[in-house]
Amino acid sequence: MVAARRLSEFVQQKVLLAVMVLYASSLPWSVCYFENRHETYPGYMCLFLTPIALLGGYWEAGANVVLVLWSAAVNQAKCAEDDESRLTWQITGVLLSGLAVYLALVFLGRETLLIDEAGNEGTITRVGPGFYFWVSSMTAAFAGSVLWIVVGRFGFGAAEGQR
């Protein structure tokens, strides 16, 4: 049991690190390009405009919020005392990260995007590398959460006598 728990914690740490690196990588890159504008929309603007975008009806901006909730669920699962509550938090993490992936992919269906605090919108012509880093961080959170449950429940890599 000790070896399986150590392996599970190792997977959790690596997943958190991968998600943080991918998400941070999305911030300086352009998320999308606009028609009739010479500027782009960098990832850090998505982060800063999230509350305004949510109030304006751009629900896919909630992927940033959901990713924060996912990291909180992962940390709660690590602190859980028993296996049942740990599994509950892990499943919550899978659901939250799946929702984050969905919200990030809904962004592809958008024709316009909020570009400033005044409520101005720009027509999106294409997505940039920041979007792909952003979606990959959400996807890594989802895949890592599933992997963490599998490793935690079945203890892959742990010796049979140590489970």
Protein backbone atom coordinates (compact mmCIF):
# COMPACT_ATOMS: atom_id res chain seq x y z
CA MET A 1 0.00 0.00 0.00
CA VAL A 2 2.87 2.36 0.77
CA ALA A 3 4.50 1.89 -2.64
CA ALA A 4 1.20 2.42 -4.46
CA ARG A 5 0.56 5.62 -2.50
CA ARG A 6 4.06 6.92 -3.25
CA LEU A 7 3.60 6.17 -6.94
CA SER A 8 0.22 7.93 -6.86
CA GLU A 9 1.73 11.02 -5.21
CA PHE A 10 4.60 10.99 -7.74
CA VAL A 11 2.08 10.96 -10.62
CA GLN A 12 0.10 13.77 -8.99
CA GLN A 13 3.20 15.95 -8.62
CA LYS A 14 4.26 15.42 -12.23
CA VAL A 15 0.75 16.12 -13.55
CA LEU A 16 0.54 19.37 -11.57
CA LEU A 17 3.97 20.40 -12.84
CA ALA A 18 3.09 19.60 -16.47
CA VAL A 19 -0.19 21.52 -16.27
CA MET A 20 1.46 24.55 -14.68
CA VAL A 21 4.25 24.61 -17.28
CA LEU A 22 1.82 24.26 -20.21
CA TYR A 23 -0.52 26.91 -18.82
CA ALA A 24 2.33 29.33 -18.12
CA SER A 25 3.62 28.68 -21.65
CA SER A 26 0.30 29.88 -23.08
CA LEU A 27 0.47 33.30 -21.44
CA PRO A 28 3.03 35.11 -23.65
CA TRP A 29 1.79 33.63 -26.96
CA SER A 30 -1.08 34.88 -29.09
CA VAL A 31 -4.34 33.06 -28.47
CA CYS A 32 -6.06 34.40 -31.56
CA TYR A 33 -5.73 36.86 -34.41
CA PHE A 34 -8.38 39.39 -35.41
CA GLU A 35 -9.75 40.57 -38.73
CA ASN A 36 -8.90 44.19 -39.66
CA ARG A 37 -6.60 44.58 -36.67
CA HIS A 38 -2.84 44.46 -36.50
CA GLU A 39 -2.84 43.26 -32.93
CA THR A 40 -3.21 39.82 -31.46
CA TYR A 41 -4.77 38.58 -28.27
CA PRO A 42 -2.03 37.31 -25.91
CA GLY A 43 -2.74 34.63 -23.33
CA TYR A 44 -2.21 36.91 -20.37
CA MET A 45 -5.11 39.06 -21.60
CA CYS A 46 -7.34 35.98 -21.47
CA LEU A 47 -6.31 35.54 -17.86
CA PHE A 48 -6.85 39.19 -16.90
CA LEU A 49 -10.16 39.56 -18.75
CA THR A 50 -11.67 36.32 -17.39
CA PRO A 51 -14.01 38.00 -14.85
CA ILE A 52 -15.20 40.58 -17.39
CA ALA A 53 -15.64 37.93 -20.07
CA LEU A 54 -17.69 35.75 -17.72
CA LEU A 55 -19.98 38.66 -16.88
CA GLY A 56 -20.31 39.39 -20.61
CA GLY A 57 -21.50 35.87 -21.41
CA TYR A 58 -18.25 34.40 -22.70
CA TRP A 59 -18.53 31.18 -20.71
CA GLU A 60 -15.49 29.53 -22.28
CA ALA A 61 -13.38 32.00 -20.30
CA GLY A 62 -14.50 29.96 -17.30
CA ALA A 63 -11.92 27.33 -18.27
CA ASN A 64 -9.36 29.42 -16.37
CA VAL A 65 -11.54 29.35 -13.26
CA VAL A 66 -12.28 25.64 -13.64
CA LEU A 67 -8.55 24.89 -13.91
CA VAL A 68 -8.00 26.66 -10.58
CA LEU A 69 -10.82 24.60 -9.06
CA TRP A 70 -9.19 21.46 -10.51
CA SER A 71 -5.90 22.26 -8.78
CA ALA A 72 -7.79 22.79 -5.51
CA ALA A 73 -9.49 19.39 -5.92
CA VAL A 74 -6.13 17.74 -6.59
CA ASN A 75 -4.69 19.29 -3.44
CA GLN A 76 -7.73 18.23 -1.40
CA ALA A 77 -7.32 14.68 -2.69
CA LYS A 78 -3.71 14.67 -1.57
CA CYS A 79 -4.72 15.82 1.93
CA ALA A 80 -7.61 13.34 2.25
CA GLU A 81 -7.34 10.92 5.14
CA ASP A 82 -9.08 7.86 3.73
CA ASP A 83 -9.25 6.22 0.32
CA GLU A 84 -12.94 6.94 -0.19
CA SER A 85 -12.66 10.70 0.21
CA ARG A 86 -9.44 10.69 -1.85
CA LEU A 87 -11.27 8.92 -4.68
CA THR A 88 -14.15 11.40 -4.43
CA TRP A 89 -11.76 14.34 -4.84
CA GLN A 90 -9.95 12.55 -7.68
CA ILE A 91 -13.24 12.01 -9.53
CA THR A 92 -14.10 15.66 -8.91
CA GLY A 93 -10.74 16.52 -10.50
CA VAL A 94 -11.55 14.41 -13.57
CA LEU A 95 -14.95 16.09 -13.95
CA LEU A 96 -13.53 19.60 -13.50
CA SER A 97 -10.68 19.03 -15.94
CA GLY A 98 -13.10 17.52 -18.46
CA LEU A 99 -15.26 20.63 -18.12
CA ALA A 100 -12.18 22.81 -18.64
CA VAL A 101 -11.32 20.95 -21.86
CA TYR A 102 -14.91 21.35 -23.07
CA LEU A 103 -14.96 25.08 -22.31
CA ALA A 104 -11.60 25.58 -24.02
CA LEU A 105 -12.82 23.78 -27.14
CA VAL A 106 -16.04 25.82 -27.20
CA PHE A 107 -13.73 28.76 -27.84
CA LEU A 108 -13.20 27.37 -31.37
CA GLY A 109 -16.88 27.96 -32.15
CA ARG A 110 -16.64 31.66 -31.33
CA GLU A 111 -16.67 34.16 -34.16
CA THR A 112 -15.99 37.19 -31.95
CA LEU A 113 -14.08 37.76 -28.75
CA LEU A 114 -14.08 40.42 -26.07
CA ILE A 115 -10.89 42.42 -26.60
CA ASP A 116 -10.95 45.05 -23.86
CA GLU A 117 -12.66 46.20 -20.69
CA ALA A 118 -15.00 48.51 -22.62
CA GLY A 119 -16.80 45.54 -24.16
CA ASN A 120 -15.41 45.90 -27.68
CA GLU A 121 -15.35 42.72 -29.70
CA GLY A 122 -13.07 41.56 -32.49
CA THR A 123 -13.75 39.01 -35.23
CA ILE A 124 -11.45 36.00 -34.84
CA THR A 125 -9.65 34.91 -38.03
CA ARG A 126 -7.50 32.12 -36.57
CA VAL A 127 -6.13 30.77 -33.32
CA GLY A 128 -2.50 31.07 -32.33
CA PRO A 129 0.02 28.92 -30.45
CA GLY A 130 -1.16 30.25 -27.07
CA PHE A 131 -4.52 28.58 -27.66
CA TYR A 132 -2.87 25.23 -28.28
CA PHE A 133 -0.78 25.52 -25.12
CA TRP A 134 -3.93 26.51 -23.22
CA VAL A 135 -5.93 23.53 -24.49
CA SER A 136 -2.99 21.17 -23.93
CA SER A 137 -2.81 22.27 -20.28
CA MET A 138 -6.50 21.42 -19.86
CA THR A 139 -6.05 18.11 -21.68
CA ALA A 140 -3.01 17.26 -19.54
CA ALA A 141 -5.09 17.96 -16.43
CA PHE A 142 -7.80 15.58 -17.65
CA ALA A 143 -5.43 12.79 -18.75
CA GLY A 144 -3.34 13.20 -15.61
CA SER A 145 -6.40 13.00 -13.37
CA VAL A 146 -7.51 9.78 -15.02
CA LEU A 147 -3.98 8.36 -14.79
CA TRP A 148 -3.78 9.36 -11.13
CA ILE A 149 -6.99 7.46 -10.35
CA VAL A 150 -5.79 4.38 -12.24
CA VAL A 151 -2.40 4.39 -10.52
CA GLY A 152 -3.93 5.13 -7.12
CA ARG A 153 -6.59 2.43 -7.34
CA PHE A 154 -4.58 -0.33 -8.98
CA GLY A 155 -1.06 0.56 -7.87
CA PHE A 156 0.65 -0.14 -11.19
CA GLY A 157 4.36 -0.45 -10.64
CA ALA A 158 4.05 -1.47 -7.00
CA ALA A 159 5.22 -4.87 -5.93
CA GLU A 160 2.36 -7.31 -5.23
CA GLY A 161 3.37 -7.83 -1.61
CA GLN A 162 3.60 -4.10 -0.87
CA ARG A 163 0.03 -3.13 -1.83
